[in-house]
Amino acid sequence: MKRIPSATLAAVFVTAALWPAASRGQEPPEWVPPDVEAVRAAINEIKQKKVVDVLELEGGEEQTFLGVYNRWEEVRWRYRERRDALMEELRLALAGGGAGRMLGEILDDVDAVDAESRGSEERLRAEFRTLLSDDQYAKLLLFEHNFNRKLRRLVQEQQRQAPPPGAQP
């Protein structure tokens, strides 16, 4: 399996962070927090190209696969966002923000979102199993694991190196 160079992923983050200023013909500020949607789109574009190469898909195969793959990515992002919002609500409830919902209700929602997420993930994986050979499906799972692990490491490195908002580098 081909490895994704750190420089490629770093370029995605830098491009996404500087794109808004560059697209308006302005000098980029010294530090710009990244536009989450732009970063997400750039990452998905890289992932699509890499996964098609790894799976050695051609023509119609590629289009059919990418239709399911894009739904899979969208479902995962949507659940992550819902779960993150619930985690924030949970944090606030534990911190004593008594004006919110009861802790038990929030926990029930977390469990429901997790169960729904697992169900959607299982349905989409079943679609992959019908579209791909066992070899391709195994390559897909390894690709996802390695790509996401590498991306997490890169994000952690970027967080350690990025100055806090408002700070001069």
Protein backbone atom coordinates (compact mmCIF):
# COMPACT_ATOMS: atom_id res chain seq x y z
CA MET A 1 0.00 0.00 0.00
CA LYS A 2 1.28 3.44 -0.88
CA ARG A 3 2.03 5.72 2.07
CA ILE A 4 0.71 9.26 2.08
CA PRO A 5 3.59 11.65 2.63
CA SER A 6 3.28 14.03 5.57
CA ALA A 7 4.15 16.84 3.21
CA THR A 8 1.02 16.09 1.16
CA LEU A 9 -1.26 16.29 4.19
CA ALA A 10 0.58 19.34 5.53
CA ALA A 11 0.06 21.05 2.17
CA VAL A 12 -3.67 20.41 2.48
CA PHE A 13 -3.78 22.15 5.86
CA VAL A 14 -1.69 25.09 4.74
CA THR A 15 -3.69 25.50 1.52
CA ALA A 16 -6.99 25.32 3.36
CA ALA A 17 -5.83 27.80 5.98
CA LEU A 18 -4.52 30.34 3.48
CA TRP A 19 -7.09 29.89 0.71
CA PRO A 20 -9.63 32.53 1.86
CA ALA A 21 -7.07 35.36 1.85
CA ALA A 22 -5.35 34.20 -1.32
CA SER A 23 -8.64 33.91 -3.21
CA ARG A 24 -9.37 37.59 -2.45
CA GLY A 25 -5.90 38.67 -3.57
CA GLN A 26 -4.89 39.65 -0.06
CA GLU A 27 -1.74 38.92 1.82
CA PRO A 28 -2.42 36.03 4.18
CA PRO A 29 -2.37 36.92 7.84
CA GLU A 30 0.47 35.58 9.94
CA TRP A 31 -1.76 32.85 11.37
CA VAL A 32 -5.19 31.85 10.16
CA PRO A 33 -7.27 29.18 11.84
CA PRO A 34 -8.21 26.64 9.18
CA ASP A 35 -11.63 26.68 7.54
CA VAL A 36 -12.95 23.29 8.64
CA GLU A 37 -15.07 22.74 5.53
CA ALA A 38 -12.20 23.63 3.19
CA VAL A 39 -9.87 21.27 5.06
CA ARG A 40 -12.50 18.53 5.00
CA ALA A 41 -13.05 18.95 1.25
CA ALA A 42 -9.32 18.90 0.53
CA ILE A 43 -8.81 15.80 2.68
CA ASN A 44 -11.71 14.01 0.97
CA GLU A 45 -10.32 14.87 -2.46
CA ILE A 46 -6.93 13.41 -1.55
CA LYS A 47 -8.55 10.35 0.00
CA GLN A 48 -10.65 9.70 -3.10
CA LYS A 49 -7.66 9.81 -5.41
CA LYS A 50 -5.53 7.63 -3.13
CA VAL A 51 -8.21 5.01 -2.43
CA VAL A 52 -9.02 4.63 -6.14
CA ASP A 53 -5.31 4.03 -6.79
CA VAL A 54 -4.98 1.58 -3.89
CA LEU A 55 -8.03 -0.41 -5.01
CA GLU A 56 -7.00 -0.22 -8.68
CA LEU A 57 -10.49 0.77 -9.78
CA GLU A 58 -11.32 1.67 -13.36
CA GLY A 59 -14.06 3.62 -15.15
CA GLY A 60 -17.54 2.52 -14.08
CA GLU A 61 -16.16 0.64 -11.08
CA GLU A 62 -14.61 3.85 -9.82
CA GLN A 63 -17.80 5.90 -10.14
CA THR A 64 -19.96 3.26 -8.44
CA PHE A 65 -17.45 2.85 -5.62
CA LEU A 66 -17.02 6.61 -5.10
CA GLY A 67 -20.79 7.04 -4.81
CA VAL A 68 -20.86 4.65 -1.84
CA TYR A 69 -17.54 5.94 -0.48
CA ASN A 70 -18.74 9.55 -0.49
CA ARG A 71 -21.95 8.54 1.33
CA TRP A 72 -19.78 6.68 3.86
CA GLU A 73 -17.60 9.73 4.44
CA GLU A 74 -20.63 12.01 4.75
CA VAL A 75 -22.32 9.68 7.25
CA ARG A 76 -19.16 9.47 9.35
CA TRP A 77 -18.70 13.26 9.39
CA ARG A 78 -22.37 13.83 10.25
CA TYR A 79 -22.22 11.40 13.19
CA ARG A 80 -18.94 12.87 14.42
CA GLU A 81 -20.46 16.35 14.41
CA ARG A 82 -23.60 15.18 16.24
CA ARG A 83 -21.53 13.26 18.78
CA ASP A 84 -19.17 16.22 19.29
CA ALA A 85 -22.16 18.48 20.00
CA LEU A 86 -23.47 15.96 22.53
CA MET A 87 -20.04 15.72 24.17
CA GLU A 88 -20.01 19.50 24.56
CA GLU A 89 -23.49 19.38 26.06
CA LEU A 90 -22.30 16.63 28.39
CA ARG A 91 -19.25 18.67 29.41
CA LEU A 92 -21.43 21.67 30.20
CA ALA A 93 -23.88 19.55 32.19
CA LEU A 94 -21.06 18.12 34.29
CA ALA A 95 -19.60 21.59 34.83
CA GLY A 96 -22.83 22.62 36.52
CA GLY A 97 -24.66 24.37 33.72
CA GLY A 98 -27.98 23.54 35.38
CA ALA A 99 -30.09 25.28 32.73
CA GLY A 100 -29.55 22.43 30.25
CA ARG A 101 -31.07 18.99 29.90
CA MET A 102 -30.77 16.26 32.48
CA LEU A 103 -27.56 14.24 32.34
CA GLY A 104 -29.48 11.00 31.71
CA GLU A 105 -31.19 12.47 28.64
CA ILE A 106 -27.89 13.53 27.15
CA LEU A 107 -26.38 10.10 27.82
CA ASP A 108 -29.40 8.45 26.17
CA ASP A 109 -28.84 10.65 23.10
CA VAL A 110 -25.12 9.73 23.00
CA ASP A 111 -26.03 6.03 23.11
CA ALA A 112 -28.67 6.51 20.40
CA VAL A 113 -26.27 8.39 18.10
CA ASP A 114 -23.60 5.74 18.63
CA ALA A 115 -26.06 2.92 17.83
CA GLU A 116 -27.38 4.74 14.77
CA SER A 117 -23.82 5.38 13.60
CA ARG A 118 -22.88 1.71 13.95
CA GLY A 119 -26.00 0.68 12.00
CA SER A 120 -25.25 3.09 9.14
CA GLU A 121 -21.61 1.99 9.11
CA GLU A 122 -22.64 -1.68 8.90
CA ARG A 123 -25.05 -1.02 5.99
CA LEU A 124 -22.42 0.89 4.04
CA ARG A 125 -19.76 -1.76 4.70
CA ALA A 126 -22.19 -4.37 3.38
CA GLU A 127 -22.46 -2.31 0.18
CA PHE A 128 -18.67 -2.28 -0.10
CA ARG A 129 -18.63 -6.07 0.28
CA THR A 130 -20.94 -6.41 -2.73
CA LEU A 131 -18.92 -3.93 -4.83
CA LEU A 132 -15.39 -5.05 -4.00
CA SER A 133 -13.47 -8.29 -4.01
CA ASP A 134 -12.22 -9.57 -0.66
CA ASP A 135 -8.75 -8.33 -1.61
CA GLN A 136 -10.06 -4.84 -2.44
CA TYR A 137 -12.20 -4.69 0.69
CA ALA A 138 -9.19 -5.63 2.84
CA LYS A 139 -7.14 -2.94 1.08
CA LEU A 140 -9.93 -0.41 1.73
CA LEU A 141 -10.01 -1.19 5.45
CA LEU A 142 -6.22 -0.95 5.73
CA PHE A 143 -6.15 2.25 3.69
CA GLU A 144 -8.77 3.87 5.96
CA HIS A 145 -6.95 2.75 9.09
CA ASN A 146 -3.55 4.02 7.91
CA PHE A 147 -4.86 7.26 6.39
CA ASN A 148 -6.81 8.20 9.50
CA ARG A 149 -3.94 7.30 11.82
CA LYS A 150 -1.54 9.40 9.74
CA LEU A 151 -4.01 12.28 9.63
CA ARG A 152 -4.49 12.20 13.43
CA ARG A 153 -0.71 12.33 13.90
CA LEU A 154 -0.38 15.23 11.49
CA VAL A 155 -3.16 17.16 13.22
CA GLN A 156 -1.50 16.58 16.59
CA GLU A 157 1.81 17.84 15.20
CA GLN A 158 0.11 20.90 13.72
CA GLN A 159 -1.63 21.63 17.02
CA ARG A 160 1.67 21.49 18.88
CA GLN A 161 3.29 23.86 16.37
CA ALA A 162 0.42 26.33 15.77
CA PRO A 163 0.46 29.50 17.83
CA PRO A 164 -2.68 30.24 19.82
CA PRO A 165 -5.17 32.61 18.16
CA GLY A 166 -4.03 36.21 18.48
CA ALA A 167 -0.41 35.28 19.28
CA GLN A 168 2.48 36.58 17.24
CA PRO A 169 4.68 33.75 15.87
